[in-house]
Protein backbone atom coordinates (compact mmCIF):
# COMPACT_ATOMS: atom_id res chain seq x y z
CA MET A 1 -0.05 0.02 0.01
CA ASN A 2 1.25 3.37 -0.90
CA ILE A 3 1.66 5.44 2.34
CA ASN A 4 -0.19 8.28 0.70
CA LYS A 5 -3.34 6.37 0.76
CA LEU A 6 -3.45 7.52 4.23
CA ARG A 7 -4.19 10.92 3.06
CA ASN A 8 -7.48 9.79 1.81
CA LYS A 9 -10.68 9.17 3.67
CA PRO A 10 -11.04 8.04 6.53
CA PHE A 11 -7.67 8.76 7.74
CA ASN A 12 -7.26 12.23 6.09
CA LEU A 13 -3.59 12.60 7.17
CA ASN A 14 -1.60 15.86 6.60
CA ASP A 15 2.17 16.03 5.82
CA GLU A 16 3.16 16.05 9.50
CA GLU A 17 1.08 13.03 10.30
CA ILE A 18 2.34 11.15 7.20
CA ALA A 19 5.96 11.91 8.41
CA TRP A 20 5.19 10.50 11.83
CA VAL A 21 3.71 7.39 10.39
CA LYS A 22 6.76 6.85 8.03
CA SER A 23 9.40 7.62 10.74
CA THR A 24 7.61 5.32 13.26
CA PHE A 25 7.11 2.46 10.62
CA ASP A 26 10.85 2.76 9.44
CA SER A 27 11.90 2.32 13.09
CA LEU A 28 10.05 -1.02 13.74
CA THR A 29 11.65 -4.31 13.61
CA THR A 30 9.51 -7.21 12.10
CA GLU A 31 8.81 -8.50 15.68
CA GLU A 32 7.61 -4.98 16.62
CA LYS A 33 5.39 -4.77 13.54
CA ILE A 34 3.85 -8.10 14.49
CA GLY A 35 3.16 -6.80 17.95
CA GLN A 36 1.14 -3.97 16.49
CA LEU A 37 -1.29 -6.40 14.90
CA PHE A 38 -2.58 -7.73 18.23
CA PHE A 39 -5.52 -6.16 20.00
CA MET A 40 -5.83 -7.58 23.48
CA VAL A 41 -8.50 -7.34 26.38
CA GLY A 42 -8.32 -6.24 29.95
CA TYR A 43 -10.69 -7.11 32.61
CA LYS A 44 -8.73 -5.51 35.57
CA GLN A 45 -5.92 -3.45 36.49
CA ASP A 46 -2.91 -5.92 36.33
CA GLU A 47 0.30 -4.08 36.24
CA GLU A 48 2.58 -7.16 35.49
CA PHE A 49 0.35 -8.32 32.65
CA LEU A 50 -0.09 -4.81 31.19
CA SER A 51 3.76 -4.12 31.12
CA HIS A 52 4.31 -7.46 29.41
CA LEU A 53 1.85 -6.46 26.79
CA THR A 54 3.58 -3.09 26.02
CA GLU A 55 7.28 -3.77 26.81
CA ASP A 56 7.64 -7.36 25.72
CA ILE A 57 5.14 -7.67 22.86
CA GLY A 58 4.37 -4.04 21.84
CA ILE A 59 0.65 -4.58 21.12
CA GLY A 60 -1.31 -2.15 19.04
CA GLY A 61 -4.35 -1.90 21.24
CA LEU A 62 -6.31 -3.14 24.20
CA MET A 63 -10.14 -3.40 24.77
CA CYS A 64 -11.30 -2.54 28.27
CA ARG A 65 -14.23 -4.48 29.84
CA ALA A 66 -16.37 -2.21 31.97
CA MET A 67 -14.63 -1.37 35.34
CA ASP A 68 -14.87 1.37 37.89
CA LYS A 69 -13.27 4.58 36.66
CA GLU A 70 -10.17 4.32 38.84
CA SER A 71 -9.44 0.84 37.50
CA VAL A 72 -9.91 1.92 33.88
CA ILE A 73 -7.79 5.01 34.32
CA GLY A 74 -5.12 2.92 36.13
CA THR A 75 -5.16 0.24 33.41
CA VAL A 76 -4.98 2.85 30.56
CA SER A 77 -2.24 4.86 32.34
CA ALA A 78 -0.07 1.82 32.85
CA LEU A 79 -0.43 0.90 29.22
CA GLN A 80 0.17 4.33 27.62
CA SER A 81 3.07 5.32 29.81
CA SER A 82 5.00 2.11 29.14
CA SER A 83 4.24 1.77 25.45
CA LYS A 84 6.72 2.88 22.71
CA ILE A 85 3.75 3.70 20.43
CA PRO A 86 0.52 5.06 21.65
CA LEU A 87 -2.12 2.38 22.01
CA LEU A 88 -5.64 2.15 20.58
CA ILE A 89 -7.91 1.81 23.68
CA ALA A 90 -11.40 0.39 22.81
CA ALA A 91 -14.61 -0.52 24.44
CA ASN A 92 -18.00 -1.74 23.48
CA LEU A 93 -19.43 1.69 23.60
CA GLU A 94 -22.77 0.66 22.36
CA ALA A 95 -25.19 1.96 24.89
CA GLY A 96 -23.32 4.76 26.73
CA GLY A 97 -20.23 5.33 28.81
CA THR A 98 -21.13 2.32 30.86
CA GLY A 99 -19.49 0.19 28.01
CA ILE A 100 -16.22 1.15 29.55
CA THR A 101 -16.80 2.23 33.04
CA SER A 102 -19.45 1.41 35.64
CA ASP A 103 -19.46 5.13 36.56
CA GLY A 104 -20.69 6.13 33.13
CA THR A 105 -24.10 6.94 31.78
CA LYS A 106 -26.34 4.20 30.37
CA ILE A 107 -28.26 5.90 27.59
CA GLY A 108 -30.05 3.02 25.97
CA SER A 109 -29.64 -0.01 23.62
CA ASN A 110 -29.56 0.70 20.02
CA LEU A 111 -33.04 -0.65 19.67
CA ALA A 112 -34.23 1.75 22.31
CA ILE A 113 -32.58 4.64 20.43
CA SER A 114 -34.34 3.41 17.25
CA ALA A 115 -37.77 3.18 19.02
CA THR A 116 -37.66 6.89 19.68
CA ASN A 117 -37.67 7.29 15.86
CA ASP A 118 -35.36 10.37 16.39
CA PRO A 119 -31.82 9.95 14.70
CA ASN A 120 -30.74 12.93 16.85
CA TYR A 121 -30.66 10.54 19.87
CA ALA A 122 -28.23 8.30 17.86
CA TYR A 123 -25.98 11.35 17.50
CA GLU A 124 -26.20 12.08 21.24
CA LEU A 125 -25.50 8.42 21.92
CA GLY A 126 -22.32 8.52 19.91
CA LYS A 127 -21.28 11.97 21.42
CA ILE A 128 -21.82 10.70 25.04
CA CYS A 129 -20.01 7.38 24.37
CA ALA A 130 -17.06 9.44 22.97
CA THR A 131 -17.10 12.11 25.73
CA GLU A 132 -17.30 9.64 28.64
CA GLY A 133 -15.10 6.96 27.02
CA LYS A 134 -12.34 9.44 26.20
CA SER A 135 -12.39 10.85 29.68
CA VAL A 136 -11.08 7.61 30.97
CA GLY A 137 -8.75 6.89 28.22
CA ALA A 138 -10.69 5.35 25.31
CA ASN A 139 -10.07 6.43 21.69
CA TYR A 140 -11.94 3.78 19.92
CA ALA A 141 -15.57 2.58 20.08
CA PHE A 142 -16.41 -0.93 18.95
CA ALA A 143 -19.72 0.47 17.79
CA PRO A 144 -22.20 1.12 16.20
CA VAL A 145 -23.71 -2.28 15.59
CA ILE A 146 -25.32 -2.01 12.04
CA ASP A 147 -26.54 -5.55 11.77
CA ILE A 148 -30.07 -5.81 10.59
CA ASP A 149 -32.42 -7.81 12.83
CA TYR A 150 -34.25 -9.80 10.19
CA ASN A 151 -34.46 -13.05 12.27
CA PHE A 152 -36.35 -12.64 15.57
CA GLN A 153 -34.66 -15.86 16.78
CA ASN A 154 -31.15 -14.59 16.32
CA PRO A 155 -29.51 -14.85 19.87
CA ILE A 156 -27.13 -11.90 19.42
CA THR A 157 -28.54 -9.04 17.32
CA ASN A 158 -31.90 -8.30 19.05
CA THR A 159 -31.64 -4.97 21.11
CA ARG A 160 -28.08 -4.31 19.97
CA THR A 161 -29.38 -3.47 16.53
CA PHE A 162 -31.26 -0.47 15.26
CA GLY A 163 -33.97 -2.75 14.05
CA SER A 164 -35.12 -4.67 10.87
CA ASP A 165 -35.44 -1.75 8.47
CA PRO A 166 -32.19 -1.07 6.42
CA GLU A 167 -33.14 2.61 5.98
CA GLN A 168 -33.57 3.04 9.89
CA VAL A 169 -30.40 1.14 10.61
CA LYS A 170 -28.52 3.34 8.05
CA ASN A 171 -29.91 6.64 9.45
CA MET A 172 -29.23 5.85 13.12
CA GLY A 173 -25.83 4.37 12.25
CA LEU A 174 -24.74 7.47 10.31
CA GLN A 175 -25.70 9.76 13.27
CA TYR A 176 -23.89 7.56 15.77
CA VAL A 177 -20.62 7.66 13.60
CA SER A 178 -20.88 11.37 13.27
CA GLY A 179 -21.57 11.89 17.07
CA CYS A 180 -18.68 9.69 18.04
CA GLN A 181 -16.06 10.77 15.54
CA ASP A 182 -17.05 14.49 15.76
CA HIS A 183 -15.76 14.18 19.38
CA GLY A 184 -12.37 12.42 18.78
CA VAL A 185 -13.17 8.71 19.05
CA ALA A 186 -12.92 6.24 16.17
CA THR A 187 -15.89 4.05 15.32
CA SER A 188 -15.96 0.45 14.25
CA ILE A 189 -19.08 -0.43 12.13
CA LYS A 190 -19.89 -4.10 12.76
CA HIS A 191 -20.31 -7.06 12.23
CA PHE A 192 -19.44 -7.27 8.53
CA PRO A 193 -20.89 -8.85 6.27
CA GLY A 194 -23.93 -8.60 8.62
CA ASP A 195 -25.60 -10.63 11.37
CA GLY A 196 -29.30 -10.96 11.97
CA VAL A 197 -30.33 -13.40 9.19
CA ASP A 198 -29.15 -16.64 10.76
CA ASP A 199 -30.70 -17.91 14.21
CA ARG A 200 -27.27 -19.11 15.17
CA ASP A 201 -24.48 -17.51 17.24
CA GLN A 202 -21.02 -16.92 15.66
CA HIS A 203 -19.56 -17.40 19.19
CA LEU A 204 -20.51 -21.08 18.82
CA VAL A 205 -20.63 -21.81 15.08
CA THR A 206 -19.72 -20.11 11.94
CA SER A 207 -23.16 -18.37 11.18
CA ILE A 208 -24.48 -17.61 7.71
CA ASN A 209 -25.82 -14.67 6.04
CA THR A 210 -27.89 -16.38 3.30
CA PHE A 211 -28.75 -13.26 1.16
CA SER A 212 -28.23 -13.23 -2.56
CA THR A 213 -25.83 -10.70 -3.99
CA GLU A 214 -28.73 -8.48 -4.98
CA GLU A 215 -30.40 -8.77 -1.60
CA TRP A 216 -27.15 -7.99 0.25
CA ASP A 217 -26.36 -5.01 -1.95
CA GLN A 218 -29.86 -3.44 -1.27
CA THR A 219 -29.72 -4.01 2.41
CA PHE A 220 -26.57 -4.63 4.34
CA GLY A 221 -24.46 -3.41 1.35
CA MET A 222 -26.35 -0.16 1.13
CA VAL A 223 -25.84 0.46 4.92
CA TYR A 224 -22.19 -0.30 4.79
CA GLN A 225 -21.64 1.78 1.68
CA GLU A 226 -23.43 4.87 3.23
CA LEU A 227 -21.31 4.66 6.43
CA ILE A 228 -18.09 4.12 4.72
CA ASP A 229 -18.79 7.07 2.40
CA ALA A 230 -19.58 9.11 5.55
CA GLY A 231 -16.09 8.27 6.88
CA ALA A 232 -16.51 5.38 9.33
CA MET A 233 -12.77 4.76 10.30
CA THR A 234 -12.87 1.11 10.91
CA VAL A 235 -14.92 -2.06 10.14
CA MET A 236 -15.10 -5.05 12.62
CA VAL A 237 -15.49 -8.31 10.68
CA GLY A 238 -17.57 -11.13 11.91
CA HIS A 239 -17.13 -14.82 11.73
CA ILE A 240 -20.12 -14.84 9.31
CA ALA A 241 -20.04 -16.46 5.94
CA LEU A 242 -21.79 -14.77 2.98
CA PRO A 243 -21.86 -17.82 0.50
CA GLU A 244 -23.66 -16.16 -2.37
CA TYR A 245 -21.15 -13.24 -2.52
CA SER A 246 -18.10 -15.52 -1.87
CA LYS A 247 -19.08 -17.71 -4.89
CA HIS A 248 -19.98 -14.64 -7.06
CA LEU A 249 -16.53 -13.16 -6.46
CA ASN A 250 -14.76 -16.59 -6.62
CA PRO A 251 -16.67 -19.01 -8.74
CA GLN A 252 -14.09 -21.67 -8.15
CA LEU A 253 -15.03 -21.91 -4.45
CA LYS A 254 -16.62 -25.19 -3.34
CA ASP A 255 -19.21 -24.99 -0.50
CA GLU A 256 -16.84 -26.69 1.88
CA ASP A 257 -14.12 -24.07 1.07
CA ILE A 258 -16.33 -21.05 2.00
CA LEU A 259 -14.86 -19.18 4.80
CA PRO A 260 -16.21 -16.80 7.55
CA ALA A 261 -15.62 -13.17 6.53
CA SER A 262 -12.88 -12.75 8.98
CA LEU A 263 -10.78 -15.25 6.81
CA ALA A 264 -12.37 -14.78 3.47
CA SER A 265 -10.02 -12.85 1.07
CA GLU A 266 -12.74 -12.36 -1.65
CA LEU A 267 -15.09 -10.67 1.04
CA LEU A 268 -12.27 -8.61 2.68
CA ASN A 269 -10.61 -7.46 -0.64
CA GLY A 270 -13.12 -7.96 -3.39
CA LEU A 271 -16.22 -6.75 -1.56
CA LEU A 272 -15.08 -4.55 1.35
CA ARG A 273 -12.02 -2.96 -0.17
CA GLU A 274 -12.78 -2.86 -3.84
CA LYS A 275 -16.61 -2.76 -4.25
CA LEU A 276 -17.32 -0.70 -1.19
CA ASN A 277 -14.02 1.27 -1.51
CA PHE A 278 -13.15 0.96 2.17
CA ASN A 279 -9.66 2.52 2.92
CA GLY A 280 -9.82 2.36 6.69
CA LEU A 281 -8.70 -0.27 9.20
CA ILE A 282 -10.13 -3.74 9.26
CA ILE A 283 -10.23 -5.55 12.57
CA THR A 284 -11.51 -9.01 13.24
CA ASP A 285 -14.25 -9.78 15.92
CA ALA A 286 -12.90 -11.79 18.80
CA THR A 287 -10.71 -14.44 17.40
CA THR A 288 -11.61 -16.73 20.41
CA MET A 289 -15.00 -17.45 18.87
CA ALA A 290 -15.80 -20.95 17.63
CA GLY A 291 -17.14 -19.44 14.43
CA MET A 292 -13.56 -18.56 13.43
CA ASN A 293 -11.76 -21.52 14.81
CA ILE A 294 -14.00 -24.04 13.27
CA ALA A 295 -12.63 -22.94 9.84
CA MET A 296 -9.11 -24.06 10.18
CA GLY A 297 -6.31 -24.81 12.60
CA ARG A 298 -5.14 -22.06 14.94
CA ASP A 299 -1.64 -22.14 13.51
CA GLU A 300 -3.00 -21.33 10.15
CA LEU A 301 -5.84 -18.95 10.89
CA VAL A 302 -3.70 -16.52 13.02
CA PRO A 303 -1.45 -15.48 10.08
CA LYS A 304 -4.16 -15.92 7.48
CA ALA A 305 -6.51 -13.48 9.08
CA ILE A 306 -3.97 -10.71 8.31
CA GLU A 307 -2.89 -12.16 5.07
CA ASN A 308 -6.29 -12.31 3.74
CA GLY A 309 -7.18 -8.74 4.54
CA CYS A 310 -7.58 -7.94 8.21
CA ASP A 311 -5.29 -5.46 9.79
CA MET A 312 -5.73 -6.21 13.50
CA PHE A 313 -6.27 -9.37 15.35
CA LEU A 314 -8.66 -9.14 18.26
CA PHE A 315 -7.87 -11.26 21.38
CA THR A 316 -5.82 -14.39 21.70
CA LYS A 317 -6.81 -17.89 22.78
CA ASN A 318 -3.19 -18.31 24.25
CA LEU A 319 -1.17 -15.15 24.16
CA GLU A 320 2.30 -16.51 23.66
CA GLU A 321 1.19 -19.32 21.27
CA ASP A 322 -0.84 -16.90 19.00
CA ILE A 323 2.33 -14.60 18.72
CA HIS A 324 4.33 -17.50 17.88
CA PHE A 325 1.80 -18.63 15.28
CA MET A 326 1.96 -15.13 13.65
CA LYS A 327 5.77 -15.03 13.59
CA GLN A 328 5.86 -18.67 12.34
CA GLY A 329 3.32 -17.77 9.70
CA TYR A 330 5.41 -14.88 8.47
CA GLU A 331 8.62 -16.99 8.42
CA LYS A 332 6.81 -19.78 6.46
CA GLY A 333 5.20 -17.34 3.92
CA LEU A 334 1.59 -17.72 5.23
CA LEU A 335 1.72 -14.02 6.04
CA SER A 336 3.58 -11.88 3.39
CA GLU A 337 5.79 -9.01 4.06
CA GLN A 338 3.62 -6.74 1.89
CA ARG A 339 0.48 -7.63 3.91
CA LEU A 340 2.15 -7.28 7.26
CA ASN A 341 3.46 -3.79 6.22
CA ASN A 342 0.15 -2.61 4.85
CA ALA A 343 -1.64 -3.71 7.96
CA VAL A 344 0.85 -1.78 10.20
CA LEU A 345 0.67 1.29 8.12
CA ARG A 346 -3.04 1.37 8.57
CA VAL A 347 -2.82 0.76 12.33
CA LEU A 348 -0.25 3.71 12.55
CA GLY A 349 -2.50 5.73 10.22
CA LEU A 350 -5.50 5.35 12.57
CA LYS A 351 -3.33 6.42 15.58
CA ALA A 352 -2.09 9.40 13.71
CA SER A 353 -5.67 10.31 12.59
CA LEU A 354 -6.75 10.31 16.17
CA GLN A 355 -3.72 12.53 17.08
CA LEU A 356 -2.40 9.95 19.47
CA HIS A 357 1.14 10.84 18.57
CA LYS A 358 0.74 14.49 19.58
CA GLY A 359 -0.51 14.50 23.12
CA ASN A 360 -0.56 12.99 26.53
CA ASN A 361 -2.83 9.83 26.24
CA VAL A 362 -2.70 9.12 30.02
CA PRO A 363 -6.28 9.91 31.41
CA SER A 364 -7.02 12.13 34.45
CA LEU A 365 -9.47 11.32 37.22
CA ASP A 366 -10.38 15.09 37.29
CA VAL A 367 -11.35 15.03 33.64
CA ALA A 368 -13.38 11.79 34.20
CA ASN A 369 -15.12 13.20 37.20
CA ASP A 370 -16.07 16.18 35.11
CA SER A 371 -17.22 14.24 32.21
CA LEU A 372 -19.01 11.10 33.47
CA ARG A 373 -22.73 11.31 34.30
CA ARG A 374 -23.08 14.98 33.42
CA GLU A 375 -26.45 16.44 33.91
CA GLU A 376 -27.01 16.73 30.20
CA HIS A 377 -26.07 12.97 29.70
CA LEU A 378 -28.53 11.99 32.32
CA GLN A 379 -31.25 14.20 30.66
CA VAL A 380 -30.56 12.38 27.30
CA ALA A 381 -30.95 8.99 29.00
CA LYS A 382 -34.23 10.06 30.54
CA GLU A 383 -35.55 11.33 27.19
CA VAL A 384 -34.59 8.14 25.46
CA ALA A 385 -36.38 6.09 28.18
CA ASP A 386 -39.45 8.32 27.76
CA GLN A 387 -39.50 8.31 23.97
CA SER A 388 -38.69 4.63 23.51
CA ILE A 389 -41.12 2.65 25.83
CA THR A 390 -43.58 1.05 23.41
CA LEU A 391 -47.15 -0.15 23.98
CA VAL A 392 -47.26 -2.96 21.54
CA LYS A 393 -50.85 -4.34 22.46
CA LYS A 394 -53.61 -2.54 24.47
CA GLU A 395 -56.60 -4.26 25.92
CA LYS A 396 -59.54 -1.82 26.22
CA GLY A 397 -60.23 -0.64 29.70
CA VAL A 398 -56.96 -2.02 31.29
CA LEU A 399 -54.84 1.08 31.02
CA PRO A 400 -54.46 3.53 32.68
CA LEU A 401 -54.05 1.77 36.00
CA SER A 402 -55.40 3.18 39.22
CA PRO A 403 -55.20 1.95 42.90
CA THR A 404 -59.05 2.17 42.95
CA LYS A 405 -59.88 -0.41 40.23
CA ASP A 406 -56.49 -2.36 40.28
CA LYS A 407 -55.37 -2.19 43.89
CA ARG A 408 -54.45 -5.87 44.42
CA ILE A 409 -51.64 -6.86 42.02
CA LEU A 410 -50.02 -10.29 41.55
CA LEU A 411 -46.59 -9.87 40.10
CA TYR A 412 -44.87 -12.66 38.20
CA ASP A 413 -41.25 -11.88 37.59
CA ILE A 414 -39.14 -13.75 35.16
CA GLU A 415 -35.29 -13.19 35.02
CA SER A 416 -32.10 -14.79 34.23
CA GLU A 417 -28.41 -13.92 34.91
CA ALA A 418 -27.06 -10.93 32.97
CA ASN A 419 -24.39 -11.39 30.38
CA ALA A 420 -21.14 -12.11 32.18
CA LEU A 421 -19.16 -10.15 29.61
CA GLY A 422 -20.85 -7.14 30.52
CA TYR A 423 -23.38 -5.58 28.17
CA ASN A 424 -24.79 -3.66 31.11
CA LYS A 425 -27.94 -5.68 31.69
CA THR A 426 -29.78 -4.92 34.94
CA THR A 427 -30.94 -7.70 37.35
CA GLY A 428 -33.25 -7.90 40.34
CA LEU A 429 -35.98 -5.62 38.76
CA ALA A 430 -38.69 -6.78 41.00
CA LYS A 431 -37.11 -5.32 43.96
CA THR A 432 -37.13 -1.89 42.43
CA PHE A 433 -40.60 -2.29 40.62
CA ILE A 434 -42.66 -3.37 43.60
CA PRO A 435 -41.89 -0.40 45.87
CA LEU A 436 -42.54 2.00 42.97
CA LEU A 437 -45.96 0.38 42.50
CA GLU A 438 -46.59 0.43 46.37
CA LYS A 439 -45.75 4.02 46.45
CA GLU A 440 -48.60 4.81 44.15
CA GLY A 441 -51.05 2.92 46.47
CA PHE A 442 -51.12 -0.59 44.95
CA GLU A 443 -50.90 -3.82 47.07
CA VAL A 444 -48.36 -6.16 45.32
CA THR A 445 -48.05 -9.83 45.86
CA ARG A 446 -45.03 -11.38 44.33
CA PHE A 447 -45.60 -14.77 43.07
CA GLU A 448 -43.79 -17.46 44.98
CA PRO A 449 -44.56 -21.10 44.17
CA THR A 450 -45.05 -23.29 47.28
CA GLY A 451 -45.76 -26.92 47.89
CA ILE A 452 -46.19 -29.40 45.02
CA TYR A 453 -48.95 -29.39 42.41
CA GLU A 454 -52.12 -27.62 43.63
CA GLY A 455 -50.33 -25.65 46.27
CA LEU A 456 -48.28 -23.96 43.72
CA GLN A 457 -51.21 -21.61 42.77
CA GLY A 458 -54.58 -20.60 44.30
CA SER A 459 -57.69 -21.93 42.84
CA PHE A 460 -59.46 -20.20 39.97
CA GLU A 461 -62.01 -18.61 42.25
CA GLU A 462 -59.44 -17.62 44.73
CA MET A 463 -57.37 -15.95 42.02
CA LYS A 464 -60.45 -13.93 40.86
CA ARG A 465 -61.25 -13.00 44.41
CA ASN A 466 -57.75 -12.07 45.53
CA TYR A 467 -56.36 -9.98 42.53
CA ASP A 468 -57.56 -7.19 40.44
CA LEU A 469 -54.57 -7.17 38.07
CA ILE A 470 -51.78 -9.57 36.96
CA ILE A 471 -48.42 -8.07 35.81
CA TYR A 472 -45.58 -10.04 34.28
CA LEU A 473 -42.32 -8.48 34.54
CA CYS A 474 -39.95 -10.36 32.06
CA ASN A 475 -36.14 -9.52 32.02
CA LEU A 476 -34.57 -12.12 29.72
CA ALA A 477 -31.61 -10.59 27.75
CA THR A 478 -29.94 -12.13 24.62
CA LYS A 479 -26.35 -12.75 25.27
CA SER A 480 -23.29 -14.50 23.78
CA ASN A 481 -23.16 -18.32 24.11
CA GLN A 482 -26.91 -18.48 24.64
CA THR A 483 -28.41 -20.20 21.60
CA THR A 484 -32.07 -19.15 22.35
CA VAL A 485 -33.87 -16.64 24.40
CA ARG A 486 -37.29 -18.20 25.30
CA ILE A 487 -39.39 -18.16 28.51
CA GLU A 488 -38.86 -21.33 30.45
CA TRP A 489 -41.95 -21.75 32.54
CA LEU A 490 -42.06 -23.30 35.97
CA ASN A 491 -42.94 -26.94 36.48
CA PRO A 492 -45.34 -28.54 36.94
CA MET A 493 -47.35 -27.74 33.65
CA GLY A 494 -46.07 -24.20 33.42
CA VAL A 495 -47.49 -22.98 36.57
CA ASN A 496 -46.67 -19.40 35.93
CA VAL A 497 -48.06 -19.29 32.35
CA PRO A 498 -50.53 -16.48 31.76
CA ILE A 499 -53.89 -18.43 31.82
CA TYR A 500 -56.15 -15.83 33.59
CA MET A 501 -56.17 -13.23 30.83
CA ASN A 502 -59.88 -13.71 30.18
CA SER A 503 -60.78 -13.40 33.91
CA ILE A 504 -58.17 -11.00 35.42
CA PRO A 505 -56.68 -8.13 33.43
CA THR A 506 -53.06 -8.99 32.52
CA ILE A 507 -50.20 -6.82 31.39
CA PHE A 508 -46.92 -8.33 30.08
CA ILE A 509 -43.74 -6.11 30.39
CA SER A 510 -40.67 -7.16 28.51
CA THR A 511 -37.67 -5.05 29.67
CA GLU A 512 -35.15 -6.72 27.20
CA ASN A 513 -36.21 -9.03 24.35
CA PRO A 514 -38.84 -7.42 22.29
CA TYR A 515 -40.12 -10.75 20.83
CA HIS A 516 -41.66 -12.44 23.85
CA LEU A 517 -45.15 -12.40 22.27
CA LEU A 518 -43.95 -15.50 20.76
CA ASP A 519 -44.37 -17.28 24.05
CA VAL A 520 -47.39 -15.27 25.33
CA PRO A 521 -49.27 -14.73 22.13
CA ARG A 522 -52.74 -14.06 23.59
CA VAL A 523 -51.67 -11.55 26.21
CA LYS A 524 -53.78 -8.49 25.34
CA THR A 525 -51.64 -5.81 26.82
CA PHE A 526 -47.94 -6.00 26.00
CA ILE A 527 -45.16 -3.38 26.58
CA ASN A 528 -41.42 -3.29 25.38
CA THR A 529 -38.70 -1.18 26.89
CA TYR A 530 -35.68 -2.53 24.90
CA GLY A 531 -33.38 -2.59 27.97
CA MET A 532 -33.17 -0.54 31.20
CA ASN A 533 -31.44 2.70 32.32
CA ASP A 534 -31.88 4.63 35.54
CA TYR A 535 -35.18 6.16 34.42
CA THR A 536 -36.96 3.35 32.70
CA LEU A 537 -39.00 1.75 35.55
CA PRO A 538 -40.24 5.10 36.93
CA LEU A 539 -41.28 6.31 33.51
CA LEU A 540 -42.91 3.00 32.68
CA ILE A 541 -45.10 3.24 35.74
CA GLU A 542 -46.01 6.92 34.91
CA LYS A 543 -47.13 5.70 31.48
CA MET A 544 -49.14 2.91 32.99
CA LEU A 545 -50.82 5.36 35.25
CA GLY A 546 -51.78 7.48 32.40
CA LYS A 547 -49.50 10.53 33.59
CA SER A 548 -47.56 10.37 30.25
CA GLU A 549 -48.06 8.91 26.87
CA PHE A 550 -46.50 5.74 25.40
CA LYS A 551 -44.32 7.26 22.59
CA GLY A 552 -42.16 4.52 21.38
CA LYS A 553 -42.55 2.99 17.84
CA SER A 554 -41.35 -0.54 17.50
CA PRO A 555 -38.26 -0.90 15.18
CA VAL A 556 -38.88 -4.58 14.64
CA ASP A 557 -41.99 -6.87 14.21
CA PRO A 558 -42.88 -7.76 17.75
CA PHE A 559 -45.44 -10.11 16.58
CA CYS A 560 -42.87 -12.43 15.16
CA GLY A 561 -44.69 -13.05 11.93
CA LYS A 562 -47.33 -15.22 13.96
CA TRP A 563 -51.11 -14.71 13.43
CA ASP A 564 -51.99 -15.44 17.00
CA THR A 565 -49.73 -12.85 18.53
CA ARG A 566 -52.04 -10.13 17.34
CA LEU A 567 -55.12 -11.49 18.96
């Protein structure tokens, strides 16, 4: 690659920045160039591990999982102060500053942003992610997710997407990219070539985007083209195969030879670089996922990920072994010198574009304290919650609630553990929800199964006598390594299934997955919140009481294409 390509979009480097890239590149040994390819992950402030990454290996970047602000700042400070070349510091800044620090502001999921039907909130999300992330040392957002949620059974996309309409995804994605990059933080549009078609999880299997070339061009391709043209700085590539395009670009390919995009030269070069004209940095999704490792042996895939078109290698299965595999691949010719050099030039080009070579990249606690959870950030979070909560189905006469007609409430709460990798899901909602209802004058009984068989629930007549209203509060989030998100009802015989809908008014609230009508199709009043922030539950109760309107517009089909869900 001619270094002058870094003068073009999205790097837009000037003479001084080109000179820094050239002098830095010329000073690197082959071993140091290989170090720049690796993008590691940090879960805690571990000085010995961090110094090994910078001083012994010379990594190009590190992704921070969410920690308290002191730990993030300590981690980034240790890295940047000991590194020969400034590091890219990334986080999953998808829903707010909470993507990198627990002291940040949770604005809302992509789907909540989309449900406001106002792209300005996508810009504000990007801006706040950049402002809060940058204050603790981040310069790179692994966001926005521009997958399109075509398959309601997909276990990953769900609320992480802007929905199932390509135009909506494009418009929201464009605004996030602008909001984030206008404030000095690079974005990574993901997960190329597009998740949301398959109902399988690339963490566990190479998932498939089955679209034809024409379908892809009009949907995912259109979205990627618009965001690339708008200057998105990097693309994250998923372990997702795109068979129709792979065979179109390379007709010699047999089905068994089709690779996930993270290893597929025809998709990385022929589609992304040439057809879509992407000049920025390409980074793999996590290389620990089975969707990549199923394709070939680790000793081969490590160097081939770079040789076939990626510029950075995200995470390692075994740090020392993967570095050895990259070096060995270079020595054996699996990774060419030209590809190694081109990848490193783009890594350095991104760093220069972010001005990392110019300033002090060590974050300050004072700056963080001034930036995190600002009043204007909290106000945006409140507005997003208010504008996004969606009344999907409404039974006549049930809403608004009042302590007069609905005083005695039976609450069924359905929850699971939040994602251990930290997508900021909230647990224990009933403990917050019940006092909020009681404060309004309701008497709330939380369903607790007792005994065996009949003792698990009162008789039909007792239920009618004892309760004026039944509320289901369902908090089941999609997450990595979970192949389905469905309600698992209690034994025996699904004792907590909603069966009193025709006798006792029943409201079902889904705080995460917007598709639960699949399992409760005949519930007549159904509400989606698309995730939780600090304001969601209080605002939800206000809406249920008729003190404010339900304003959200569903960005997906909550009826899951089933006829009975509309009854």
